[in-house]
Amino acid sequence: MTNNPMEHNEKFLMQLLEDNKNTVYGKKYGFGKIKSISDYQSKVPITEYDDYIEYIIPMSEDGVKNLITSYEVDHYSKSSGTLGNPKKIPLSVNAQKNNV
């Protein structure tokens, strides 16, 4: 990984896009048609937490799946709320595995 980080990161991004192309968010931004980092950069906007709240509330309160991730969400972490209300951050089993 450390010998060629760009190759590893691009492979990781392409796998995430493939795995999530059929989510509501993935369909909105055409994840299935993205074939490179530059495609991703041109098709998916820079976002902040508030851009995801319409997805996170139904996920966390009603158990709705396949909105922003196809992975099973294990739990929701809460931010400290230093900039306002604490935020719920979905954490999938897949994300935990990849961040070990």
PDB file of N, CA and C in Angstrom:
ATOM      1  N   MET A   1       0.808  -1.185   0.000  1.00  0.00           N
ATOM      2  CA  MET A   1       0.000   0.000   0.000  1.00  0.00           C
ATOM      3  C   MET A   1       0.864   1.266   0.000  1.00  0.00           C
ATOM      4  N   THR A   2       1.889   1.273   0.808  1.00  0.00           N
ATOM      5  CA  THR A   2       2.698   2.489   0.925  1.00  0.00           C
ATOM      6  C   THR A   2       3.636   2.672  -0.268  1.00  0.00           C
ATOM      7  N   ASN A   3       3.919   1.606  -1.000  1.00  0.00           N
ATOM      8  CA  ASN A   3       4.774   1.735  -2.179  1.00  0.00           C
ATOM      9  C   ASN A   3       4.073   2.436  -3.329  1.00  0.00           C
ATOM     10  N   ASN A   4       2.759   2.279  -3.406  1.00  0.00           N
ATOM     11  CA  ASN A   4       2.003   2.904  -4.484  1.00  0.00           C
ATOM     12  C   ASN A   4       0.629   3.340  -3.967  1.00  0.00           C
ATOM     13  N   PRO A   5       0.603   4.389  -3.151  1.00  0.00           N
ATOM     14  CA  PRO A   5      -0.657   4.788  -2.511  1.00  0.00           C
ATOM     15  C   PRO A   5      -1.745   5.224  -3.490  1.00  0.00           C
ATOM     16  N   MET A   6      -1.391   5.890  -4.585  1.00  0.00           N
ATOM     17  CA  MET A   6      -2.409   6.332  -5.539  1.00  0.00           C
ATOM     18  C   MET A   6      -3.119   5.140  -6.175  1.00  0.00           C
ATOM     19  N   GLU A   7      -2.365   4.139  -6.546  1.00  0.00           N
ATOM     20  CA  GLU A   7      -2.967   2.936  -7.136  1.00  0.00           C
ATOM     21  C   GLU A   7      -3.913   2.268  -6.132  1.00  0.00           C
ATOM     22  N   HIS A   8      -3.456   2.137  -4.901  1.00  0.00           N
ATOM     23  CA  HIS A   8      -4.282   1.524  -3.858  1.00  0.00           C
ATOM     24  C   HIS A   8      -5.545   2.339  -3.604  1.00  0.00           C
ATOM     25  N   ASN A   9      -5.404   3.654  -3.485  1.00  0.00           N
ATOM     26  CA  ASN A   9      -6.553   4.505  -3.209  1.00  0.00           C
ATOM     27  C   ASN A   9      -7.545   4.520  -4.364  1.00  0.00           C
ATOM     28  N   GLU A  10      -7.058   4.517  -5.590  1.00  0.00           N
ATOM     29  CA  GLU A  10      -7.976   4.487  -6.732  1.00  0.00           C
ATOM     30  C   GLU A  10      -8.724   3.151  -6.770  1.00  0.00           C
ATOM     31  N   LYS A  11      -8.045   2.062  -6.512  1.00  0.00           N
ATOM     32  CA  LYS A  11      -8.693   0.746  -6.477  1.00  0.00           C
ATOM     33  C   LYS A  11      -9.760   0.716  -5.373  1.00  0.00           C
ATOM     34  N   PHE A  12      -9.435   1.272  -4.212  1.00  0.00           N
ATOM     35  CA  PHE A  12     -10.377   1.331  -3.094  1.00  0.00           C
ATOM     36  C   PHE A  12     -11.600   2.170  -3.461  1.00  0.00           C
ATOM     37  N   LEU A  13     -11.387   3.344  -4.062  1.00  0.00           N
ATOM     38  CA  LEU A  13     -12.487   4.201  -4.481  1.00  0.00           C
ATOM     39  C   LEU A  13     -13.365   3.495  -5.498  1.00  0.00           C
ATOM     40  N   MET A  14     -12.767   2.860  -6.503  1.00  0.00           N
ATOM     41  CA  MET A  14     -13.550   2.177  -7.534  1.00  0.00           C
ATOM     42  C   MET A  14     -14.385   1.049  -6.937  1.00  0.00           C
ATOM     43  N   GLN A  15     -13.850   0.362  -5.923  1.00  0.00           N
ATOM     44  CA  GLN A  15     -14.617  -0.700  -5.263  1.00  0.00           C
ATOM     45  C   GLN A  15     -15.799  -0.117  -4.483  1.00  0.00           C
ATOM     46  N   LEU A  16     -15.569   0.987  -3.780  1.00  0.00           N
ATOM     47  CA  LEU A  16     -16.665   1.651  -3.060  1.00  0.00           C
ATOM     48  C   LEU A  16     -17.766   2.087  -4.022  1.00  0.00           C
ATOM     49  N   LEU A  17     -17.378   2.657  -5.146  1.00  0.00           N
ATOM     50  CA  LEU A  17     -18.363   3.100  -6.130  1.00  0.00           C
ATOM     51  C   LEU A  17     -19.139   1.925  -6.705  1.00  0.00           C
ATOM     52  N   GLU A  18     -18.451   0.859  -7.022  1.00  0.00           N
ATOM     53  CA  GLU A  18     -19.111  -0.343  -7.541  1.00  0.00           C
ATOM     54  C   GLU A  18     -20.087  -0.912  -6.512  1.00  0.00           C
ATOM     55  N   ASP A  19     -19.636  -1.022  -5.284  1.00  0.00           N
ATOM     56  CA  ASP A  19     -20.479  -1.595  -4.221  1.00  0.00           C
ATOM     57  C   ASP A  19     -21.705  -0.738  -3.924  1.00  0.00           C
ATOM     58  N   ASN A  20     -21.613   0.553  -4.175  1.00  0.00           N
ATOM     59  CA  ASN A  20     -22.686   1.475  -3.794  1.00  0.00           C
ATOM     60  C   ASN A  20     -23.411   2.114  -4.980  1.00  0.00           C
ATOM     61  N   LYS A  21     -23.206   1.589  -6.174  1.00  0.00           N
ATOM     62  CA  LYS A  21     -23.817   2.183  -7.365  1.00  0.00           C
ATOM     63  C   LYS A  21     -25.340   2.085  -7.376  1.00  0.00           C
ATOM     64  N   ASN A  22     -25.910   1.144  -6.640  1.00  0.00           N
ATOM     65  CA  ASN A  22     -27.363   0.991  -6.622  1.00  0.00           C
ATOM     66  C   ASN A  22     -28.027   1.623  -5.404  1.00  0.00           C
ATOM     67  N   THR A  23     -27.278   2.366  -4.618  1.00  0.00           N
ATOM     68  CA  THR A  23     -27.889   3.116  -3.517  1.00  0.00           C
ATOM     69  C   THR A  23     -28.570   4.352  -4.104  1.00  0.00           C
ATOM     70  N   VAL A  24     -29.413   4.975  -3.324  1.00  0.00           N
ATOM     71  CA  VAL A  24     -30.068   6.203  -3.783  1.00  0.00           C
ATOM     72  C   VAL A  24     -29.008   7.242  -4.154  1.00  0.00           C
ATOM     73  N   TYR A  25     -28.020   7.411  -3.296  1.00  0.00           N
ATOM     74  CA  TYR A  25     -26.963   8.389  -3.532  1.00  0.00           C
ATOM     75  C   TYR A  25     -26.115   7.990  -4.750  1.00  0.00           C
ATOM     76  N   GLY A  26     -25.806   6.721  -4.868  1.00  0.00           N
ATOM     77  CA  GLY A  26     -25.011   6.234  -5.996  1.00  0.00           C
ATOM     78  C   GLY A  26     -25.698   6.438  -7.328  1.00  0.00           C
ATOM     79  N   LYS A  27     -27.003   6.242  -7.357  1.00  0.00           N
ATOM     80  CA  LYS A  27     -27.764   6.471  -8.592  1.00  0.00           C
ATOM     81  C   LYS A  27     -27.826   7.965  -8.909  1.00  0.00           C
ATOM     82  N   LYS A  28     -27.979   8.768  -7.879  1.00  0.00           N
ATOM     83  CA  LYS A  28     -28.059  10.222  -8.071  1.00  0.00           C
ATOM     84  C   LYS A  28     -26.817  10.760  -8.781  1.00  0.00           C
ATOM     85  N   TYR A  29     -25.645  10.225  -8.430  1.00  0.00           N
ATOM     86  CA  TYR A  29     -24.390  10.720  -8.991  1.00  0.00           C
ATOM     87  C   TYR A  29     -23.746   9.770  -9.998  1.00  0.00           C
ATOM     88  N   GLY A  30     -24.477   8.748 -10.421  1.00  0.00           N
ATOM     89  CA  GLY A  30     -23.987   7.868 -11.480  1.00  0.00           C
ATOM     90  C   GLY A  30     -22.739   7.092 -11.132  1.00  0.00           C
ATOM     91  N   PHE A  31     -22.679   6.542  -9.918  1.00  0.00           N
ATOM     92  CA  PHE A  31     -21.495   5.785  -9.497  1.00  0.00           C
ATOM     93  C   PHE A  31     -21.139   4.687 -10.500  1.00  0.00           C
ATOM     94  N   GLY A  32     -22.133   4.061 -11.108  1.00  0.00           N
ATOM     95  CA  GLY A  32     -21.880   2.967 -12.047  1.00  0.00           C
ATOM     96  C   GLY A  32     -21.167   3.400 -13.312  1.00  0.00           C
ATOM     97  N   LYS A  33     -21.166   4.685 -13.627  1.00  0.00           N
ATOM     98  CA  LYS A  33     -20.526   5.200 -14.838  1.00  0.00           C
ATOM     99  C   LYS A  33     -19.167   5.833 -14.562  1.00  0.00           C
ATOM    100  N   ILE A  34     -18.793   5.917 -13.297  1.00  0.00           N
ATOM    101  CA  ILE A  34     -17.507   6.534 -12.936  1.00  0.00           C
ATOM    102  C   ILE A  34     -16.392   5.506 -13.094  1.00  0.00           C
ATOM    103  N   LYS A  35     -15.394   5.848 -13.897  1.00  0.00           N
ATOM    104  CA  LYS A  35     -14.306   4.907 -14.203  1.00  0.00           C
ATOM    105  C   LYS A  35     -12.922   5.404 -13.796  1.00  0.00           C
ATOM    106  N   SER A  36     -12.855   6.600 -13.205  1.00  0.00           N
ATOM    107  CA  SER A  36     -11.547   7.140 -12.810  1.00  0.00           C
ATOM    108  C   SER A  36     -11.732   8.167 -11.703  1.00  0.00           C
ATOM    109  N   ILE A  37     -10.628   8.547 -11.096  1.00  0.00           N
ATOM    110  CA  ILE A  37     -10.670   9.582 -10.066  1.00  0.00           C
ATOM    111  C   ILE A  37     -11.175  10.894 -10.669  1.00  0.00           C
ATOM    112  N   SER A  38     -10.734  11.226 -11.866  1.00  0.00           N
ATOM    113  CA  SER A  38     -11.189  12.479 -12.481  1.00  0.00           C
ATOM    114  C   SER A  38     -12.683  12.434 -12.791  1.00  0.00           C
ATOM    115  N   ASP A  39     -13.223  11.268 -13.188  1.00  0.00           N
ATOM    116  CA  ASP A  39     -14.677  11.120 -13.346  1.00  0.00           C
ATOM    117  C   ASP A  39     -15.374  11.418 -12.029  1.00  0.00           C
ATOM    118  N   TYR A  40     -14.860  10.824 -10.964  1.00  0.00           N
ATOM    119  CA  TYR A  40     -15.447  11.027  -9.639  1.00  0.00           C
ATOM    120  C   TYR A  40     -15.441  12.506  -9.265  1.00  0.00           C
ATOM    121  N   GLN A  41     -14.309  13.148  -9.475  1.00  0.00           N
ATOM    122  CA  GLN A  41     -14.182  14.553  -9.116  1.00  0.00           C
ATOM    123  C   GLN A  41     -15.135  15.445  -9.916  1.00  0.00           C
ATOM    124  N   SER A  42     -15.407  15.081 -11.149  1.00  0.00           N
ATOM    125  CA  SER A  42     -16.286  15.910 -11.974  1.00  0.00           C
ATOM    126  C   SER A  42     -17.773  15.615 -11.747  1.00  0.00           C
ATOM    127  N   LYS A  43     -18.103  14.430 -11.266  1.00  0.00           N
ATOM    128  CA  LYS A  43     -19.508  14.042 -11.123  1.00  0.00           C
ATOM    129  C   LYS A  43     -20.058  14.155  -9.698  1.00  0.00           C
ATOM    130  N   VAL A  44     -19.204  14.031  -8.692  1.00  0.00           N
ATOM    131  CA  VAL A  44     -19.668  14.017  -7.301  1.00  0.00           C
ATOM    132  C   VAL A  44     -19.197  15.305  -6.620  1.00  0.00           C
ATOM    133  N   PRO A  45     -20.134  16.102  -6.141  1.00  0.00           N
ATOM    134  CA  PRO A  45     -19.747  17.393  -5.546  1.00  0.00           C
ATOM    135  C   PRO A  45     -19.087  17.241  -4.174  1.00  0.00           C
ATOM    136  N   ILE A  46     -18.339  18.241  -3.800  1.00  0.00           N
ATOM    137  CA  ILE A  46     -17.804  18.323  -2.443  1.00  0.00           C
ATOM    138  C   ILE A  46     -18.995  18.590  -1.533  1.00  0.00           C
ATOM    139  N   THR A  47     -19.054  17.878  -0.430  1.00  0.00           N
ATOM    140  CA  THR A  47     -20.227  17.967   0.450  1.00  0.00           C
ATOM    141  C   THR A  47     -19.806  18.170   1.896  1.00  0.00           C
ATOM    142  N   GLU A  48     -20.821  18.446   2.722  1.00  0.00           N
ATOM    143  CA  GLU A  48     -20.638  18.532   4.164  1.00  0.00           C
ATOM    144  C   GLU A  48     -21.758  17.737   4.812  1.00  0.00           C
ATOM    145  N   TYR A  49     -21.703  17.604   6.105  1.00  0.00           N
ATOM    146  CA  TYR A  49     -22.644  16.754   6.836  1.00  0.00           C
ATOM    147  C   TYR A  49     -24.099  17.058   6.490  1.00  0.00           C
ATOM    148  N   ASP A  50     -24.475  18.315   6.445  1.00  0.00           N
ATOM    149  CA  ASP A  50     -25.869  18.681   6.198  1.00  0.00           C
ATOM    150  C   ASP A  50     -26.390  18.171   4.854  1.00  0.00           C
ATOM    151  N   ASP A  51     -25.503  17.895   3.908  1.00  0.00           N
ATOM    152  CA  ASP A  51     -25.923  17.344   2.622  1.00  0.00           C
ATOM    153  C   ASP A  51     -26.407  15.894   2.742  1.00  0.00           C
ATOM    154  N   TYR A  52     -26.087  15.235   3.853  1.00  0.00           N
ATOM    155  CA  TYR A  52     -26.441  13.830   4.054  1.00  0.00           C
ATOM    156  C   TYR A  52     -27.573  13.622   5.045  1.00  0.00           C
ATOM    157  N   ILE A  53     -28.020  14.687   5.694  1.00  0.00           N
ATOM    158  CA  ILE A  53     -29.003  14.553   6.766  1.00  0.00           C
ATOM    159  C   ILE A  53     -30.303  13.927   6.265  1.00  0.00           C
ATOM    160  N   GLU A  54     -30.702  14.232   5.022  1.00  0.00           N
ATOM    161  CA  GLU A  54     -31.930  13.650   4.470  1.00  0.00           C
ATOM    162  C   GLU A  54     -31.829  12.133   4.329  1.00  0.00           C
ATOM    163  N   TYR A  55     -30.625  11.610   4.305  1.00  0.00           N
ATOM    164  CA  TYR A  55     -30.407  10.167   4.247  1.00  0.00           C
ATOM    165  C   TYR A  55     -30.209   9.582   5.648  1.00  0.00           C
ATOM    166  N   ILE A  56     -29.459  10.292   6.472  1.00  0.00           N
ATOM    167  CA  ILE A  56     -29.087   9.774   7.789  1.00  0.00           C
ATOM    168  C   ILE A  56     -30.291   9.661   8.723  1.00  0.00           C
ATOM    169  N   ILE A  57     -31.199  10.616   8.689  1.00  0.00           N
ATOM    170  CA  ILE A  57     -32.365  10.542   9.587  1.00  0.00           C
ATOM    171  C   ILE A  57     -33.189   9.280   9.320  1.00  0.00           C
ATOM    172  N   PRO A  58     -33.600   8.993   8.073  1.00  0.00           N
ATOM    173  CA  PRO A  58     -34.376   7.757   7.865  1.00  0.00           C
ATOM    174  C   PRO A  58     -33.571   6.488   8.176  1.00  0.00           C
ATOM    175  N   MET A  59     -32.260   6.549   7.961  1.00  0.00           N
ATOM    176  CA  MET A  59     -31.419   5.388   8.283  1.00  0.00           C
ATOM    177  C   MET A  59     -31.399   5.145   9.784  1.00  0.00           C
ATOM    178  N   SER A  60     -31.129   6.203  10.537  1.00  0.00           N
ATOM    179  CA  SER A  60     -30.941   6.045  11.982  1.00  0.00           C
ATOM    180  C   SER A  60     -32.251   5.908  12.747  1.00  0.00           C
ATOM    181  N   GLU A  61     -33.309   6.546  12.266  1.00  0.00           N
ATOM    182  CA  GLU A  61     -34.571   6.518  13.001  1.00  0.00           C
ATOM    183  C   GLU A  61     -35.523   5.417  12.536  1.00  0.00           C
ATOM    184  N   ASP A  62     -35.485   5.089  11.237  1.00  0.00           N
ATOM    185  CA  ASP A  62     -36.441   4.126  10.700  1.00  0.00           C
ATOM    186  C   ASP A  62     -35.799   2.853  10.151  1.00  0.00           C
ATOM    187  N   GLY A  63     -34.476   2.794  10.161  1.00  0.00           N
ATOM    188  CA  GLY A  63     -33.786   1.609   9.667  1.00  0.00           C
ATOM    189  C   GLY A  63     -33.801   1.450   8.159  1.00  0.00           C
ATOM    190  N   VAL A  64     -34.049   2.535   7.438  1.00  0.00           N
ATOM    191  CA  VAL A  64     -34.064   2.472   5.977  1.00  0.00           C
ATOM    192  C   VAL A  64     -32.648   2.160   5.489  1.00  0.00           C
ATOM    193  N   LYS A  65     -32.559   1.247   4.542  1.00  0.00           N
ATOM    194  CA  LYS A  65     -31.259   0.803   4.031  1.00  0.00           C
ATOM    195  C   LYS A  65     -31.046   1.280   2.596  1.00  0.00           C
ATOM    196  N   ASN A  66     -29.827   1.181   2.151  1.00  0.00           N
ATOM    197  CA  ASN A  66     -29.444   1.416   0.762  1.00  0.00           C
ATOM    198  C   ASN A  66     -29.644   2.866   0.304  1.00  0.00           C
ATOM    199  N   LEU A  67     -29.495   3.791   1.233  1.00  0.00           N
ATOM    200  CA  LEU A  67     -29.611   5.199   0.863  1.00  0.00           C
ATOM    201  C   LEU A  67     -28.256   5.776   0.464  1.00  0.00           C
ATOM    202  N   ILE A  68     -27.277   5.726   1.384  1.00  0.00           N
ATOM    203  CA  ILE A  68     -25.937   6.229   1.053  1.00  0.00           C
ATOM    204  C   ILE A  68     -24.882   5.129   1.086  1.00  0.00           C
ATOM    205  N   THR A  69     -25.268   3.953   1.570  1.00  0.00           N
ATOM    206  CA  THR A  69     -24.337   2.827   1.574  1.00  0.00           C
ATOM    207  C   THR A  69     -25.089   1.521   1.417  1.00  0.00           C
ATOM    208  N   SER A  70     -24.468   0.603   0.709  1.00  0.00           N
ATOM    209  CA  SER A  70     -25.040  -0.737   0.583  1.00  0.00           C
ATOM    210  C   SER A  70     -24.563  -1.630   1.723  1.00  0.00           C
ATOM    211  N   TYR A  71     -23.578  -1.157   2.458  1.00  0.00           N
ATOM    212  CA  TYR A  71     -23.016  -1.934   3.559  1.00  0.00           C
ATOM    213  C   TYR A  71     -23.934  -1.867   4.778  1.00  0.00           C
ATOM    214  N   GLU A  72     -23.908  -2.897   5.569  1.00  0.00           N
ATOM    215  CA  GLU A  72     -24.692  -2.939   6.803  1.00  0.00           C
ATOM    216  C   GLU A  72     -24.134  -1.917   7.795  1.00  0.00           C
ATOM    217  N   VAL A  73     -24.986  -1.013   8.254  1.00  0.00           N
ATOM    218  CA  VAL A  73     -24.555  -0.022   9.243  1.00  0.00           C
ATOM    219  C   VAL A  73     -24.665  -0.665  10.617  1.00  0.00           C
ATOM    220  N   ASP A  74     -23.543  -0.729  11.294  1.00  0.00           N
ATOM    221  CA  ASP A  74     -23.438  -1.391  12.596  1.00  0.00           C
ATOM    222  C   ASP A  74     -23.933  -0.491  13.723  1.00  0.00           C
ATOM    223  N   HIS A  75     -23.549   0.762  13.671  1.00  0.00           N
ATOM    224  CA  HIS A  75     -24.004   1.734  14.666  1.00  0.00           C
ATOM    225  C   HIS A  75     -23.724   3.157  14.184  1.00  0.00           C
ATOM    226  N   TYR A  76     -24.170   4.104  14.941  1.00  0.00           N
ATOM    227  CA  TYR A  76     -23.979   5.516  14.617  1.00  0.00           C
ATOM    228  C   TYR A  76     -23.101   6.148  15.684  1.00  0.00           C
ATOM    229  N   SER A  77     -21.986   6.691  15.260  1.00  0.00           N
ATOM    230  CA  SER A  77     -21.128   7.440  16.170  1.00  0.00           C
ATOM    231  C   SER A  77     -21.699   8.840  16.278  1.00  0.00           C
ATOM    232  N   LYS A  78     -21.472   9.480  17.401  1.00  0.00           N
ATOM    233  CA  LYS A  78     -21.919  10.858  17.562  1.00  0.00           C
ATOM    234  C   LYS A  78     -20.713  11.769  17.659  1.00  0.00           C
ATOM    235  N   SER A  79     -20.786  12.884  16.938  1.00  0.00           N
ATOM    236  CA  SER A  79     -19.724  13.870  17.044  1.00  0.00           C
ATOM    237  C   SER A  79     -19.854  14.580  18.388  1.00  0.00           C
ATOM    238  N   SER A  80     -18.864  15.322  18.742  1.00  0.00           N
ATOM    239  CA  SER A  80     -18.883  16.028  20.027  1.00  0.00           C
ATOM    240  C   SER A  80     -19.857  17.189  20.041  1.00  0.00           C
ATOM    241  N   GLY A  81     -20.242  17.659  18.871  1.00  0.00           N
ATOM    242  CA  GLY A  81     -21.180  18.774  18.796  1.00  0.00           C
ATOM    243  C   GLY A  81     -20.542  20.131  19.043  1.00  0.00           C
ATOM    244  N   THR A  82     -19.238  20.237  18.852  1.00  0.00           N
ATOM    245  CA  THR A  82     -18.555  21.508  19.130  1.00  0.00           C
ATOM    246  C   THR A  82     -19.000  22.632  18.208  1.00  0.00           C
ATOM    247  N   LEU A  83     -19.546  22.290  17.037  1.00  0.00           N
ATOM    248  CA  LEU A  83     -20.015  23.321  16.106  1.00  0.00           C
ATOM    249  C   LEU A  83     -21.540  23.423  16.092  1.00  0.00           C
ATOM    250  N   GLY A  84     -22.190  22.877  17.090  1.00  0.00           N
ATOM    251  CA  GLY A  84     -23.655  22.875  17.131  1.00  0.00           C
ATOM    252  C   GLY A  84     -24.138  21.572  17.724  1.00  0.00           C
ATOM    253  N   ASN A  85     -25.221  21.063  17.193  1.00  0.00           N
ATOM    254  CA  ASN A  85     -25.762  19.800  17.672  1.00  0.00           C
ATOM    255  C   ASN A  85     -24.839  18.640  17.305  1.00  0.00           C
ATOM    256  N   PRO A  86     -24.734  17.643  18.190  1.00  0.00           N
ATOM    257  CA  PRO A  86     -23.962  16.450  17.823  1.00  0.00           C
ATOM    258  C   PRO A  86     -24.542  15.807  16.562  1.00  0.00           C
ATOM    259  N   LYS A  87     -23.685  15.266  15.728  1.00  0.00           N
ATOM    260  CA  LYS A  87     -24.107  14.661  14.473  1.00  0.00           C
ATOM    261  C   LYS A  87     -23.985  13.143  14.556  1.00  0.00           C
ATOM    262  N   LYS A  88     -24.948  12.434  13.962  1.00  0.00           N
ATOM    263  CA  LYS A  88     -24.896  10.977  13.877  1.00  0.00           C
ATOM    264  C   LYS A  88     -24.117  10.601  12.626  1.00  0.00           C
ATOM    265  N   ILE A  89     -23.095   9.779  12.817  1.00  0.00           N
ATOM    266  CA  ILE A  89     -22.249   9.378  11.704  1.00  0.00           C
ATOM    267  C   ILE A  89     -22.376   7.867  11.534  1.00  0.00           C
ATOM    268  N   PRO A  90     -22.994   7.418  10.402  1.00  0.00           N
ATOM    269  CA  PRO A  90     -23.164   5.979  10.206  1.00  0.00           C
ATOM    270  C   PRO A  90     -21.812   5.286  10.088  1.00  0.00           C
ATOM    271  N   LEU A  91     -21.680   4.160  10.768  1.00  0.00           N
ATOM    272  CA  LEU A  91     -20.450   3.381  10.719  1.00  0.00           C
ATOM    273  C   LEU A  91     -20.802   1.961  10.319  1.00  0.00           C
ATOM    274  N   SER A  92     -20.342   1.561   9.153  1.00  0.00           N
ATOM    275  CA  SER A  92     -20.646   0.221   8.661  1.00  0.00           C
ATOM    276  C   SER A  92     -19.588  -0.782   9.134  1.00  0.00           C
ATOM    277  N   VAL A  93     -19.969  -2.037   9.071  1.00  0.00           N
ATOM    278  CA  VAL A  93     -19.033  -3.113   9.397  1.00  0.00           C
ATOM    279  C   VAL A  93     -17.854  -3.042   8.440  1.00  0.00           C
ATOM    280  N   ASN A  94     -18.128  -2.754   7.167  1.00  0.00           N
ATOM    281  CA  ASN A  94     -17.080  -2.645   6.160  1.00  0.00           C
ATOM    282  C   ASN A  94     -16.089  -1.527   6.494  1.00  0.00           C
ATOM    283  N   ALA A  95     -16.598  -0.385   6.932  1.00  0.00           N
ATOM    284  CA  ALA A  95     -15.721   0.736   7.284  1.00  0.00           C
ATOM    285  C   ALA A  95     -14.836   0.380   8.480  1.00  0.00           C
ATOM    286  N   GLN A  96     -15.410  -0.316   9.435  1.00  0.00           N
ATOM    287  CA  GLN A  96     -14.623  -0.722  10.600  1.00  0.00           C
ATOM    288  C   GLN A  96     -13.510  -1.678  10.183  1.00  0.00           C
ATOM    289  N   LYS A  97     -13.821  -2.593   9.284  1.00  0.00           N
ATOM    290  CA  LYS A  97     -12.836  -3.561   8.813  1.00  0.00           C
ATOM    291  C   LYS A  97     -11.689  -2.862   8.075  1.00  0.00           C
ATOM    292  N   ASN A  98     -12.025  -1.865   7.272  1.00  0.00           N
ATOM    293  CA  ASN A  98     -11.017  -1.164   6.478  1.00  0.00           C
ATOM    294  C   ASN A  98     -10.205  -0.151   7.272  1.00  0.00           C
ATOM    295  N   ASN A  99     -10.674   0.222   8.449  1.00  0.00           N
ATOM    296  CA  ASN A  99      -9.969   1.209   9.261  1.00  0.00           C
ATOM    297  C   ASN A  99      -9.190   0.603  10.414  1.00  0.00           C
ATOM    298  N   VAL A 100      -9.018  -0.685  10.384  1.00  0.00           N
ATOM    299  CA  VAL A 100      -8.279  -1.353  11.465  1.00  0.00           C
ATOM    300  C   VAL A 100      -6.814  -1.090  11.333  1.00  0.00           C
TER     301      VAL A 100
END
